[in-house]
Amino acid sequence: MSVTAVPLSTTSSPWIRRARWDIGWLIGSAAIVPVVLAFVWIGTSSMWINLGITAIVGGPHLFSTYLATYMDPRFRRRHLWLLVAATILVPAFVVTMTLWNFQVLLSIFIFAASLHVLQQNAYLTDIYRKRHGQRERVSSRFIDYGLLMICIYPIASYKLVHGEFYLGDIEILLPPFLMTPATYWTVWIAFTAFLFAWLRKTADEYRTGVLNVPKTLLISVTTVIAFLVPIASEGRRLELAFQSVNAWHSIQYLGLVWFILAARRRQGRVDTPLLAKMSDERRGGWWFYGTCLAVTVLLLSLVYGLVYWDPIGLQSEQYYYMCVLSCLLIHYVLDAYLFTVSNRAEVDEDAVPFAAPAAA
């Protein structure tokens, strides 16, 4: 396999900000995964693990999306239709599914969450590809995407087919036609094919001197972690193992969104005084995180108040997920759009905040 080296970008560095920052926030932050898994293995209460990760990084990462979209006048002007549709349709869907079939809702959520985590790293590889300055073949990008988007499913699909995948006390479902060994065998075959193709492609890039180091590191770390985490726990503790991936993803995302706001501030594209304060590279990071943390604490307080009040006779888990998933799935919808369009050549950098890292 040969690699075509064609200039694509004029950026001077293949890293998004600089090597130390990228490795710390986006790649090396994967060190949080074994830390969380250690708490899982020593028997820490699921309530404390879930609540701790949600409060410290999960919730703040969710609400940072809202800062970069709802609070950005440029994004609102160009994407009002998306914001209105997400604000109305997503909570309506979540409430309806909570009342109609809560188990199906949680199953949809788990698949959406896994795709969201992997799509974020696919988006980061696109940034590294653009900043590297070498145009890659379509087949090379297809292999990168394929490995990233399937690496979490080989072991997870086996557990799903055998009814061994739970979110708390609720079994996560597959459609009936997928409840067969052919499902996980197909996933394993596809994963193996993508892995060997990626290893071969990477070796060829190294030999020809065009290896994209940041992209290769990110894909390597993501593949290893995503593949292994599903075997880190069993049964009703399995969701806690996946919280370790959520913690890494959230740390990545918080660093990324803060960098996006800071880059747009330097470009003169931050029009809101509050966002300008948060994106000040001297001290704005604490304002940024503190604001997201405060909103998270407020939401959790409202959720637990609703659980205590119990106005319509639901289980506490239903109230929790009805509120949290309404916010979280809006975040997924907005990010799915932003991750998809931000690295396109024709993107409007003024109206799409996530285009900033590739151009910074």
Protein backbone atom coordinates (compact mmCIF):
# COMPACT_ATOMS: atom_id res chain seq x y z
CA MET A 1 0.00 0.00 0.00
CA SER A 2 1.52 3.31 -1.02
CA VAL A 3 0.82 6.63 0.63
CA THR A 4 0.32 9.71 -1.49
CA ALA A 5 1.84 12.81 0.10
CA VAL A 6 0.08 15.92 -1.13
CA PRO A 7 0.16 19.23 0.78
CA LEU A 8 -3.18 19.84 2.45
CA SER A 9 -2.59 22.44 5.11
CA THR A 10 -0.21 25.29 5.89
CA THR A 11 -0.27 24.78 9.66
CA SER A 12 3.19 24.48 11.20
CA SER A 13 2.39 21.78 13.77
CA PRO A 14 0.53 18.48 13.50
CA TRP A 15 -0.71 18.91 17.07
CA ILE A 16 -3.95 20.73 17.85
CA ARG A 17 -2.46 23.06 20.47
CA ARG A 18 0.99 21.67 21.24
CA ALA A 19 2.37 18.21 21.89
CA ARG A 20 2.31 18.39 25.70
CA TRP A 21 -1.26 19.71 25.80
CA ASP A 22 -2.61 17.23 23.28
CA ILE A 23 -0.94 14.29 24.97
CA GLY A 24 -2.16 15.46 28.37
CA TRP A 25 -5.77 16.36 27.57
CA LEU A 26 -6.68 14.29 24.53
CA ILE A 27 -4.54 11.14 24.61
CA GLY A 28 -2.76 10.71 27.95
CA SER A 29 -5.95 11.51 29.85
CA ALA A 30 -6.85 7.90 29.04
CA ALA A 31 -4.93 7.16 32.26
CA ILE A 32 -8.21 7.89 34.06
CA VAL A 33 -9.60 4.61 32.69
CA PRO A 34 -7.57 2.25 34.92
CA VAL A 35 -8.13 4.58 37.87
CA VAL A 36 -11.92 4.27 37.55
CA LEU A 37 -11.63 0.54 36.89
CA ALA A 38 -9.65 0.16 40.12
CA PHE A 39 -12.61 1.63 42.03
CA VAL A 40 -14.89 -0.81 40.22
CA TRP A 41 -12.69 -3.80 41.09
CA ILE A 42 -12.40 -2.96 44.80
CA GLY A 43 -16.20 -2.88 45.07
CA THR A 44 -16.91 0.85 45.34
CA SER A 45 -20.64 1.56 45.38
CA SER A 46 -22.12 2.03 41.91
CA MET A 47 -23.95 5.11 43.20
CA TRP A 48 -20.70 6.81 44.17
CA ILE A 49 -18.92 5.93 40.93
CA ASN A 50 -21.82 7.07 38.75
CA LEU A 51 -22.51 10.20 40.75
CA GLY A 52 -18.84 11.13 41.07
CA ILE A 53 -18.07 10.86 37.36
CA THR A 54 -21.33 12.58 36.40
CA ALA A 55 -20.76 15.49 38.77
CA ILE A 56 -17.03 16.02 38.20
CA VAL A 57 -16.66 15.57 34.44
CA GLY A 58 -19.72 13.99 32.80
CA GLY A 59 -22.15 16.81 33.48
CA PRO A 60 -19.65 19.63 32.85
CA HIS A 61 -18.67 18.11 29.49
CA LEU A 62 -22.36 17.92 28.53
CA PHE A 63 -23.08 21.55 29.34
CA SER A 64 -19.91 22.79 27.66
CA THR A 65 -21.65 21.92 24.38
CA TYR A 66 -24.42 24.32 25.27
CA LEU A 67 -21.88 27.11 25.81
CA ALA A 68 -20.46 26.57 22.33
CA THR A 69 -23.86 26.40 20.62
CA TYR A 70 -26.85 27.90 22.42
CA MET A 71 -24.74 30.74 23.85
CA ASP A 72 -22.90 31.51 20.62
CA PRO A 73 -24.86 34.18 18.67
CA ARG A 74 -23.17 33.22 15.39
CA PHE A 75 -24.14 29.57 15.79
CA ARG A 76 -27.70 30.50 16.80
CA ARG A 77 -28.21 32.68 13.76
CA ARG A 78 -27.13 30.00 11.31
CA HIS A 79 -28.49 26.92 13.13
CA LEU A 80 -31.65 28.07 14.87
CA TRP A 81 -33.58 25.27 13.17
CA LEU A 82 -31.26 22.66 14.69
CA LEU A 83 -31.42 24.15 18.18
CA VAL A 84 -35.23 24.44 18.16
CA ALA A 85 -35.72 20.93 16.79
CA ALA A 86 -33.31 19.37 19.29
CA THR A 87 -34.80 21.31 22.22
CA ILE A 88 -38.35 20.17 21.44
CA LEU A 89 -38.05 16.74 19.85
CA VAL A 90 -35.36 15.13 22.00
CA PRO A 91 -37.04 15.68 25.41
CA ALA A 92 -40.39 14.67 23.89
CA PHE A 93 -38.82 11.43 22.68
CA VAL A 94 -37.16 10.74 26.04
CA VAL A 95 -40.32 11.36 28.08
CA THR A 96 -42.42 9.24 25.72
CA MET A 97 -39.97 6.33 25.81
CA THR A 98 -39.61 6.55 29.60
CA LEU A 99 -43.35 6.08 29.98
CA TRP A 100 -43.78 3.57 27.14
CA ASN A 101 -40.68 1.32 27.24
CA PHE A 102 -37.89 2.36 29.59
CA GLN A 103 -35.74 -0.67 28.71
CA VAL A 104 -35.73 0.20 25.01
CA LEU A 105 -34.84 3.81 25.86
CA LEU A 106 -31.79 2.72 27.86
CA SER A 107 -30.75 0.35 25.08
CA ILE A 108 -30.92 3.19 22.55
CA PHE A 109 -28.95 5.38 24.94
CA ILE A 110 -26.11 2.86 25.35
CA PHE A 111 -25.63 2.51 21.60
CA ALA A 112 -25.86 6.27 21.07
CA ALA A 113 -23.32 6.86 23.85
CA SER A 114 -20.80 4.40 22.40
CA LEU A 115 -21.12 5.90 18.92
CA HIS A 116 -20.77 9.40 20.35
CA VAL A 117 -17.51 8.56 22.14
CA LEU A 118 -16.02 6.96 19.03
CA GLN A 119 -17.23 9.72 16.71
CA GLN A 120 -15.47 12.28 18.88
CA ASN A 121 -12.15 10.54 18.33
CA ALA A 122 -12.88 10.17 14.61
CA TYR A 123 -13.41 13.95 14.56
CA LEU A 124 -10.06 14.43 16.31
CA THR A 125 -8.33 12.23 13.73
CA ASP A 126 -9.76 14.46 11.02
CA ILE A 127 -8.23 17.49 12.72
CA TYR A 128 -4.86 15.77 12.97
CA ARG A 129 -5.13 14.70 9.34
CA LYS A 130 -5.84 18.26 8.25
CA ARG A 131 -3.07 19.77 10.37
CA HIS A 132 -0.55 17.14 9.26
CA GLY A 133 -0.62 18.61 5.76
CA GLN A 134 -0.60 15.33 3.81
CA ARG A 135 -3.64 14.32 1.82
CA GLU A 136 -4.51 10.69 2.53
CA ARG A 137 -6.22 8.28 0.22
CA VAL A 138 -9.91 7.58 0.76
CA SER A 139 -9.03 3.98 1.61
CA SER A 140 -6.74 5.19 4.41
CA ARG A 141 -9.50 7.28 5.98
CA PHE A 142 -11.95 4.41 5.59
CA ILE A 143 -9.61 2.09 7.52
CA ASP A 144 -9.11 4.66 10.31
CA TYR A 145 -12.84 5.27 10.65
CA GLY A 146 -13.69 1.58 10.44
CA LEU A 147 -11.30 0.58 13.21
CA LEU A 148 -12.39 3.43 15.47
CA MET A 149 -16.11 2.80 15.02
CA ILE A 150 -15.99 -0.97 15.62
CA CYS A 151 -13.28 -1.39 18.25
CA ILE A 152 -15.66 -1.26 21.23
CA TYR A 153 -18.07 -3.90 19.93
CA PRO A 154 -16.32 -7.31 19.57
CA ILE A 155 -16.61 -8.33 23.24
CA ALA A 156 -19.63 -6.10 23.90
CA SER A 157 -21.60 -7.77 21.09
CA TYR A 158 -20.89 -11.22 22.59
CA LYS A 159 -22.25 -10.08 25.95
CA LEU A 160 -25.29 -8.47 24.34
CA VAL A 161 -26.19 -11.61 22.43
CA HIS A 162 -25.87 -13.70 25.60
CA GLY A 163 -27.93 -11.31 27.74
CA GLU A 164 -24.94 -10.31 29.89
CA PHE A 165 -24.98 -6.53 29.31
CA TYR A 166 -26.78 -4.45 31.95
CA LEU A 167 -27.27 -0.81 32.82
CA GLY A 168 -27.82 -1.13 36.54
CA ASP A 169 -30.54 -3.76 36.90
CA ILE A 170 -31.84 -3.35 33.35
CA GLU A 171 -30.67 -5.65 30.57
CA ILE A 172 -29.64 -3.87 27.37
CA LEU A 173 -31.46 -5.26 24.37
CA LEU A 174 -30.58 -6.02 20.78
CA PRO A 175 -33.25 -6.35 18.07
CA PRO A 176 -34.41 -10.00 18.03
CA PHE A 177 -32.90 -10.72 14.60
CA LEU A 178 -29.43 -9.85 15.98
CA MET A 179 -29.68 -12.24 18.95
CA THR A 180 -27.57 -14.86 17.22
CA PRO A 181 -23.89 -15.90 17.28
CA ALA A 182 -23.65 -14.62 13.71
CA THR A 183 -23.80 -11.09 15.13
CA TYR A 184 -20.64 -11.24 17.20
CA TRP A 185 -18.82 -13.40 14.67
CA THR A 186 -19.52 -10.75 12.03
CA VAL A 187 -18.29 -8.01 14.36
CA TRP A 188 -15.13 -9.97 15.19
CA ILE A 189 -14.35 -10.60 11.53
CA ALA A 190 -14.84 -6.94 10.65
CA PHE A 191 -12.73 -5.79 13.61
CA THR A 192 -9.91 -8.19 12.72
CA ALA A 193 -9.94 -7.06 9.09
CA PHE A 194 -9.82 -3.38 10.01
CA LEU A 195 -7.11 -3.95 12.62
CA PHE A 196 -4.78 -5.79 10.26
CA ALA A 197 -5.41 -3.26 7.47
CA TRP A 198 -4.65 -0.41 9.87
CA LEU A 199 -1.44 -2.04 11.14
CA ARG A 200 -0.27 -2.60 7.58
CA LYS A 201 -1.15 0.96 6.55
CA THR A 202 0.58 2.42 9.61
CA ALA A 203 3.76 0.44 8.95
CA ASP A 204 3.74 1.66 5.35
CA GLU A 205 3.30 5.26 6.47
CA TYR A 206 6.24 4.89 8.85
CA ARG A 207 8.50 3.43 6.16
CA THR A 208 7.66 6.21 3.70
CA GLY A 209 8.12 8.97 6.28
CA VAL A 210 4.55 10.30 6.28
CA LEU A 211 3.33 8.84 9.58
CA ASN A 212 0.87 11.14 11.33
CA VAL A 213 2.09 10.69 14.90
CA PRO A 214 -0.78 12.38 16.85
CA LYS A 215 -3.46 10.60 14.82
CA THR A 216 -1.73 7.25 15.14
CA LEU A 217 -1.32 7.62 18.91
CA LEU A 218 -4.98 8.54 19.36
CA ILE A 219 -6.26 5.63 17.28
CA SER A 220 -3.92 3.20 19.07
CA VAL A 221 -5.00 4.27 22.56
CA THR A 222 -8.68 4.37 21.63
CA THR A 223 -8.60 0.90 20.08
CA VAL A 224 -6.88 -0.74 23.03
CA ILE A 225 -9.12 0.86 25.65
CA ALA A 226 -12.40 0.42 23.78
CA PHE A 227 -11.62 -3.22 23.00
CA LEU A 228 -10.63 -4.19 26.55
CA VAL A 229 -13.09 -2.27 28.74
CA PRO A 230 -16.07 -4.61 28.03
CA ILE A 231 -14.16 -7.46 29.72
CA ALA A 232 -13.29 -5.35 32.78
CA SER A 233 -16.46 -6.25 34.67
CA GLU A 234 -19.56 -8.40 34.50
CA GLY A 235 -23.32 -8.19 34.92
CA ARG A 236 -24.68 -5.24 36.83
CA ARG A 237 -21.19 -3.81 37.37
CA LEU A 238 -20.46 -3.66 33.63
CA GLU A 239 -21.93 -0.16 33.29
CA LEU A 240 -19.31 1.03 35.79
CA ALA A 241 -16.52 -0.21 33.53
CA PHE A 242 -17.99 1.87 30.73
CA GLN A 243 -18.02 4.87 33.06
CA SER A 244 -14.22 4.76 32.84
CA VAL A 245 -14.44 5.41 29.10
CA ASN A 246 -17.03 8.12 29.75
CA ALA A 247 -14.61 9.81 32.16
CA TRP A 248 -11.83 9.85 29.54
CA HIS A 249 -14.19 11.05 26.83
CA SER A 250 -15.47 13.85 29.09
CA ILE A 251 -11.97 15.07 29.98
CA GLN A 252 -11.05 15.09 26.29
CA TYR A 253 -14.19 17.00 25.46
CA LEU A 254 -13.81 19.64 28.17
CA GLY A 255 -10.28 20.41 27.03
CA LEU A 256 -11.35 20.45 23.41
CA VAL A 257 -14.31 22.81 23.85
CA TRP A 258 -12.29 25.19 25.99
CA PHE A 259 -9.60 25.26 23.29
CA ILE A 260 -12.28 25.87 20.65
CA LEU A 261 -13.60 28.87 22.58
CA ALA A 262 -10.07 30.20 23.13
CA ALA A 263 -9.21 29.80 19.44
CA ARG A 264 -12.40 31.59 18.39
CA ARG A 265 -11.63 34.38 20.85
CA ARG A 266 -8.23 34.88 19.19
CA GLN A 267 -9.98 34.89 15.81
CA GLY A 268 -12.42 37.61 16.98
CA ARG A 269 -15.42 35.25 16.79
CA VAL A 270 -16.55 35.37 20.44
CA ASP A 271 -19.27 38.00 20.79
CA THR A 272 -20.62 37.18 24.26
CA PRO A 273 -18.82 38.76 27.27
CA LEU A 274 -19.31 35.64 29.40
CA LEU A 275 -17.80 33.38 26.72
CA ALA A 276 -14.96 35.84 26.24
CA LYS A 277 -14.17 35.64 29.95
CA MET A 278 -14.29 31.84 29.93
CA SER A 279 -12.04 31.58 26.87
CA ASP A 280 -9.30 33.85 28.23
CA GLU A 281 -6.20 31.65 28.04
CA ARG A 282 -4.71 33.19 31.17
CA ARG A 283 -7.46 32.26 33.65
CA GLY A 284 -10.64 31.55 31.70
CA GLY A 285 -10.37 27.77 32.01
CA TRP A 286 -11.51 27.88 35.62
CA TRP A 287 -14.47 30.09 34.74
CA PHE A 288 -15.35 27.70 31.94
CA TYR A 289 -15.20 24.57 34.10
CA GLY A 290 -16.78 26.27 37.11
CA THR A 291 -19.78 27.40 35.09
CA CYS A 292 -20.32 23.93 33.63
CA LEU A 293 -19.92 22.38 37.10
CA ALA A 294 -22.42 24.80 38.65
CA VAL A 295 -25.04 23.96 36.01
CA THR A 296 -24.41 20.25 36.61
CA VAL A 297 -24.94 20.61 40.36
CA LEU A 298 -28.12 22.57 39.71
CA LEU A 299 -29.48 19.89 37.36
CA LEU A 300 -28.65 17.06 39.77
CA SER A 301 -30.35 18.99 42.58
CA LEU A 302 -33.47 19.37 40.46
CA VAL A 303 -33.39 15.68 39.52
CA TYR A 304 -33.14 14.49 43.11
CA GLY A 305 -35.83 16.98 44.11
CA LEU A 306 -38.07 15.47 41.45
CA VAL A 307 -37.29 11.96 42.72
CA TYR A 308 -38.24 13.01 46.26
CA TRP A 309 -41.45 14.71 45.10
CA ASP A 310 -42.47 11.80 42.83
CA PRO A 311 -45.32 13.65 41.08
CA ILE A 312 -46.34 10.87 38.66
CA GLY A 313 -45.38 7.69 40.49
CA LEU A 314 -42.26 6.62 38.56
CA GLN A 315 -39.18 4.80 39.82
CA SER A 316 -36.26 6.98 40.85
CA GLU A 317 -34.19 5.68 37.88
CA GLN A 318 -36.91 6.78 35.49
CA TYR A 319 -36.97 10.33 36.83
CA TYR A 320 -33.16 10.44 36.74
CA TYR A 321 -32.81 9.25 33.16
CA MET A 322 -35.81 11.24 31.94
CA CYS A 323 -34.08 14.46 33.01
CA VAL A 324 -30.47 13.54 32.31
CA LEU A 325 -31.08 11.89 28.94
CA SER A 326 -33.14 14.84 27.73
CA CYS A 327 -30.05 17.03 28.15
CA LEU A 328 -27.57 14.34 27.13
CA LEU A 329 -29.25 13.34 23.87
CA ILE A 330 -29.49 17.01 22.83
CA HIS A 331 -25.72 17.08 23.36
CA TYR A 332 -25.38 13.95 21.17
CA VAL A 333 -27.49 15.45 18.39
CA LEU A 334 -25.56 18.71 18.34
CA ASP A 335 -22.20 16.96 18.45
CA ALA A 336 -23.17 14.48 15.73
CA TYR A 337 -23.79 17.47 13.48
CA LEU A 338 -20.66 19.36 14.57
CA PHE A 339 -18.35 16.34 14.35
CA THR A 340 -19.66 15.59 10.85
CA VAL A 341 -19.42 19.03 9.24
CA SER A 342 -16.56 20.75 11.06
CA ASN A 343 -13.65 19.38 9.03
CA ARG A 344 -15.23 19.68 5.60
CA ALA A 345 -13.40 21.90 3.13
CA GLU A 346 -16.48 24.07 2.56
CA VAL A 347 -17.30 24.60 6.26
CA ASP A 348 -18.24 28.10 7.38
CA GLU A 349 -15.71 28.62 10.17
CA ASP A 350 -17.57 31.70 11.39
CA ALA A 351 -20.76 29.75 12.16
CA VAL A 352 -19.39 26.30 13.06
CA PRO A 353 -17.32 26.53 16.26
CA PHE A 354 -15.84 23.04 16.02
CA ALA A 355 -14.05 24.02 12.82
CA ALA A 356 -11.63 26.12 14.88
CA PRO A 357 -9.05 23.47 15.93
CA ALA A 358 -8.09 22.53 12.37
CA ALA A 359 -7.52 26.18 11.47
CA ALA A 360 -6.04 27.47 14.74
